[in-house]
Amino acid sequence: MGAVSRVAVAEDDVDMRTIIADALRKDGYRVVEFGDGASLQRELAEPSDGPLALVVSDVRMPLVDGLTVLRGLRDTGSALPVVLMTAFGDEVAQKETSRLGAVLFNKPFKLAELRETVRSLLSQTAAVVA
């Protein structure tokens, strides 16, 4: 079995971030948490402990929003899997997320569905790498 996947969870709501991070840790991932998009951007630019395998991010966050982080990744040619979450399921966010090849979850959502999406995206990435 390969190395444990490192997953970023960026969410300004501490309770929501903790719930998601804890669930992903139970699934066996190494989770690193961020309270805003700027911190996530710094980690993506200069990983503190190895590369990230996937990002789960809120759309609306302080400093830098999740769509801006996603656009930045795609602008650099990165195909890193990204799952965005929003309580404001506006059409612009849905279209932009889809165009940029990410998955969008509208809050509230079922944690089990998020966990399954993360597992699925990481298994697809592993299959491409193998």
C-alpha atoms as a PDB file:
ATOM      1  CA  MET A   1       0.000   0.000   0.000  1.00  0.00           C
ATOM      2  CA  GLY A   2       1.221   3.506  -0.864  1.00  0.00           C
ATOM      3  CA  ALA A   3       1.691   6.566   1.269  1.00  0.00           C
ATOM      4  CA  VAL A   4      -1.266   8.042   3.105  1.00  0.00           C
ATOM      5  CA  SER A   5      -2.902  10.815   1.095  1.00  0.00           C
ATOM      6  CA  ARG A   6      -2.568  14.336   2.464  1.00  0.00           C
ATOM      7  CA  VAL A   7      -5.844  16.296   2.264  1.00  0.00           C
ATOM      8  CA  ALA A   8      -6.436  20.004   2.920  1.00  0.00           C
ATOM      9  CA  VAL A   9      -9.663  21.201   4.517  1.00  0.00           C
ATOM     10  CA  ALA A  10     -10.198  24.965   4.218  1.00  0.00           C
ATOM     11  CA  GLU A  11     -13.295  26.260   5.997  1.00  0.00           C
ATOM     12  CA  ASP A  12     -13.715  29.421   8.086  1.00  0.00           C
ATOM     13  CA  ASP A  13     -16.438  27.842  10.252  1.00  0.00           C
ATOM     14  CA  VAL A  14     -14.390  26.039  12.917  1.00  0.00           C
ATOM     15  CA  ASP A  15     -17.129  23.532  13.811  1.00  0.00           C
ATOM     16  CA  MET A  16     -17.721  22.576  10.181  1.00  0.00           C
ATOM     17  CA  ARG A  17     -13.979  22.310   9.506  1.00  0.00           C
ATOM     18  CA  THR A  18     -13.488  20.091  12.565  1.00  0.00           C
ATOM     19  CA  ILE A  19     -16.342  17.745  11.595  1.00  0.00           C
ATOM     20  CA  ILE A  20     -15.006  17.321   8.053  1.00  0.00           C
ATOM     21  CA  ALA A  21     -11.362  16.982   9.125  1.00  0.00           C
ATOM     22  CA  ASP A  22     -12.191  14.410  11.817  1.00  0.00           C
ATOM     23  CA  ALA A  23     -14.260  12.344   9.380  1.00  0.00           C
ATOM     24  CA  LEU A  24     -11.455  12.334   6.803  1.00  0.00           C
ATOM     25  CA  ARG A  25      -8.904  11.394   9.470  1.00  0.00           C
ATOM     26  CA  LYS A  26     -11.112   8.428  10.423  1.00  0.00           C
ATOM     27  CA  ASP A  27     -10.954   7.439   6.751  1.00  0.00           C
ATOM     28  CA  GLY A  28      -7.173   7.295   7.063  1.00  0.00           C
ATOM     29  CA  TYR A  29      -6.100  10.558   5.440  1.00  0.00           C
ATOM     30  CA  ARG A  30      -3.525  12.993   6.791  1.00  0.00           C
ATOM     31  CA  VAL A  31      -5.564  16.178   7.111  1.00  0.00           C
ATOM     32  CA  VAL A  32      -4.217  19.699   7.307  1.00  0.00           C
ATOM     33  CA  GLU A  33      -6.704  22.429   8.254  1.00  0.00           C
ATOM     34  CA  PHE A  34      -6.986  26.074   7.171  1.00  0.00           C
ATOM     35  CA  GLY A  35      -9.358  28.840   8.300  1.00  0.00           C
ATOM     36  CA  ASP A  36      -9.020  30.958   5.170  1.00  0.00           C
ATOM     37  CA  GLY A  37      -8.103  30.742   1.511  1.00  0.00           C
ATOM     38  CA  ALA A  38      -4.848  32.700   1.833  1.00  0.00           C
ATOM     39  CA  SER A  39      -3.395  30.075   4.195  1.00  0.00           C
ATOM     40  CA  LEU A  40      -4.478  27.353   1.790  1.00  0.00           C
ATOM     41  CA  GLN A  41      -2.816  29.190  -1.110  1.00  0.00           C
ATOM     42  CA  ARG A  42       0.458  29.391   0.842  1.00  0.00           C
ATOM     43  CA  GLU A  43       0.341  25.643   1.539  1.00  0.00           C
ATOM     44  CA  LEU A  44      -0.329  24.871  -2.119  1.00  0.00           C
ATOM     45  CA  ALA A  45       2.602  27.064  -3.189  1.00  0.00           C
ATOM     46  CA  GLU A  46       5.014  25.684  -0.597  1.00  0.00           C
ATOM     47  CA  PRO A  47       3.795  22.436   1.012  1.00  0.00           C
ATOM     48  CA  SER A  48       4.881  22.177   4.638  1.00  0.00           C
ATOM     49  CA  ASP A  49       4.906  18.380   4.793  1.00  0.00           C
ATOM     50  CA  GLY A  50       4.698  16.889   1.309  1.00  0.00           C
ATOM     51  CA  PRO A  51       2.291  17.490  -1.545  1.00  0.00           C
ATOM     52  CA  LEU A  52      -1.463  17.611  -1.128  1.00  0.00           C
ATOM     53  CA  ALA A  53      -3.517  14.891  -2.811  1.00  0.00           C
ATOM     54  CA  LEU A  54      -6.858  16.740  -2.624  1.00  0.00           C
ATOM     55  CA  VAL A  55      -8.443  19.975  -1.408  1.00  0.00           C
ATOM     56  CA  VAL A  56     -11.828  20.403   0.286  1.00  0.00           C
ATOM     57  CA  SER A  57     -12.644  24.106   0.522  1.00  0.00           C
ATOM     58  CA  ASP A  58     -15.493  26.418   1.338  1.00  0.00           C
ATOM     59  CA  VAL A  59     -16.299  28.881  -1.442  1.00  0.00           C
ATOM     60  CA  ARG A  60     -16.852  31.925   0.791  1.00  0.00           C
ATOM     61  CA  MET A  61     -13.937  32.481   3.165  1.00  0.00           C
ATOM     62  CA  PRO A  62     -11.982  35.452   4.489  1.00  0.00           C
ATOM     63  CA  LEU A  63      -9.050  36.881   2.520  1.00  0.00           C
ATOM     64  CA  VAL A  64      -9.257  34.561  -0.502  1.00  0.00           C
ATOM     65  CA  ASP A  65     -12.347  32.602  -1.569  1.00  0.00           C
ATOM     66  CA  GLY A  66     -12.356  28.973  -2.685  1.00  0.00           C
ATOM     67  CA  LEU A  67     -13.071  29.760  -6.343  1.00  0.00           C
ATOM     68  CA  THR A  68     -10.014  32.013  -6.473  1.00  0.00           C
ATOM     69  CA  VAL A  69      -7.881  29.199  -5.026  1.00  0.00           C
ATOM     70  CA  LEU A  70      -9.321  26.790  -7.620  1.00  0.00           C
ATOM     71  CA  ARG A  71      -8.703  29.223 -10.505  1.00  0.00           C
ATOM     72  CA  GLY A  72      -5.115  29.695  -9.318  1.00  0.00           C
ATOM     73  CA  LEU A  73      -4.526  25.943  -9.309  1.00  0.00           C
ATOM     74  CA  ARG A  74      -5.915  25.517 -12.808  1.00  0.00           C
ATOM     75  CA  ASP A  75      -3.952  28.546 -14.078  1.00  0.00           C
ATOM     76  CA  THR A  76      -0.739  26.745 -13.064  1.00  0.00           C
ATOM     77  CA  GLY A  77      -1.852  23.609 -14.899  1.00  0.00           C
ATOM     78  CA  SER A  78      -2.574  21.669 -11.711  1.00  0.00           C
ATOM     79  CA  ALA A  79      -5.150  18.884 -11.962  1.00  0.00           C
ATOM     80  CA  LEU A  80      -5.282  18.515  -8.156  1.00  0.00           C
ATOM     81  CA  PRO A  81      -8.755  17.241  -7.214  1.00  0.00           C
ATOM     82  CA  VAL A  82     -10.827  19.958  -5.538  1.00  0.00           C
ATOM     83  CA  VAL A  83     -14.152  19.735  -3.729  1.00  0.00           C
ATOM     84  CA  LEU A  84     -15.813  23.084  -3.054  1.00  0.00           C
ATOM     85  CA  MET A  85     -18.642  23.646  -0.565  1.00  0.00           C
ATOM     86  CA  THR A  86     -21.116  26.499  -0.463  1.00  0.00           C
ATOM     87  CA  ALA A  87     -24.202  27.516   1.446  1.00  0.00           C
ATOM     88  CA  PHE A  88     -24.928  29.953  -1.366  1.00  0.00           C
ATOM     89  CA  GLY A  89     -25.501  27.634  -4.334  1.00  0.00           C
ATOM     90  CA  ASP A  90     -25.430  30.397  -6.880  1.00  0.00           C
ATOM     91  CA  GLU A  91     -25.379  29.539 -10.550  1.00  0.00           C
ATOM     92  CA  VAL A  92     -22.086  31.344 -11.217  1.00  0.00           C
ATOM     93  CA  ALA A  93     -20.253  29.229  -8.619  1.00  0.00           C
ATOM     94  CA  GLN A  94     -21.810  26.047 -10.000  1.00  0.00           C
ATOM     95  CA  LYS A  95     -20.834  26.827 -13.592  1.00  0.00           C
ATOM     96  CA  GLU A  96     -17.325  27.980 -12.686  1.00  0.00           C
ATOM     97  CA  THR A  97     -16.684  24.947 -10.464  1.00  0.00           C
ATOM     98  CA  SER A  98     -17.813  22.599 -13.210  1.00  0.00           C
ATOM     99  CA  ARG A  99     -15.805  24.424 -15.896  1.00  0.00           C
ATOM    100  CA  LEU A 100     -12.677  24.140 -13.754  1.00  0.00           C
ATOM    101  CA  GLY A 101     -13.160  20.417 -13.161  1.00  0.00           C
ATOM    102  CA  ALA A 102     -14.029  20.502  -9.481  1.00  0.00           C
ATOM    103  CA  VAL A 103     -16.947  19.105  -7.484  1.00  0.00           C
ATOM    104  CA  LEU A 104     -19.413  21.430  -5.729  1.00  0.00           C
ATOM    105  CA  PHE A 105     -21.391  20.467  -2.625  1.00  0.00           C
ATOM    106  CA  ASN A 106     -24.274  22.669  -1.517  1.00  0.00           C
ATOM    107  CA  LYS A 107     -24.593  22.996   2.271  1.00  0.00           C
ATOM    108  CA  PRO A 108     -26.094  21.296   4.080  1.00  0.00           C
ATOM    109  CA  PHE A 109     -24.867  18.019   2.631  1.00  0.00           C
ATOM    110  CA  LYS A 110     -24.466  14.493   3.901  1.00  0.00           C
ATOM    111  CA  LEU A 111     -20.988  13.917   5.354  1.00  0.00           C
ATOM    112  CA  ALA A 112     -21.069  10.351   4.006  1.00  0.00           C
ATOM    113  CA  GLU A 113     -21.470  11.721   0.456  1.00  0.00           C
ATOM    114  CA  LEU A 114     -18.490  14.042   0.900  1.00  0.00           C
ATOM    115  CA  ARG A 115     -16.382  11.173   2.260  1.00  0.00           C
ATOM    116  CA  GLU A 116     -17.358   8.969  -0.688  1.00  0.00           C
ATOM    117  CA  THR A 117     -16.530  11.748  -3.172  1.00  0.00           C
ATOM    118  CA  VAL A 118     -13.089  12.236  -1.593  1.00  0.00           C
ATOM    119  CA  ARG A 119     -12.437   8.483  -1.699  1.00  0.00           C
ATOM    120  CA  SER A 120     -13.575   8.285  -5.319  1.00  0.00           C
ATOM    121  CA  LEU A 121     -11.482  11.262  -6.470  1.00  0.00           C
ATOM    122  CA  LEU A 122      -8.375   9.931  -4.734  1.00  0.00           C
ATOM    123  CA  SER A 123      -8.837   6.441  -6.187  1.00  0.00           C
ATOM    124  CA  GLN A 124      -9.184   7.962  -9.688  1.00  0.00           C
ATOM    125  CA  THR A 125      -6.004   9.967  -9.121  1.00  0.00           C
ATOM    126  CA  ALA A 126      -4.178   6.855  -7.871  1.00  0.00           C
ATOM    127  CA  ALA A 127      -5.301   4.934 -10.970  1.00  0.00           C
ATOM    128  CA  VAL A 128      -3.936   7.677 -13.245  1.00  0.00           C
ATOM    129  CA  VAL A 129      -0.589   7.708 -11.391  1.00  0.00           C
ATOM    130  CA  ALA A 130      -0.232   3.902 -11.344  1.00  0.00           C
END
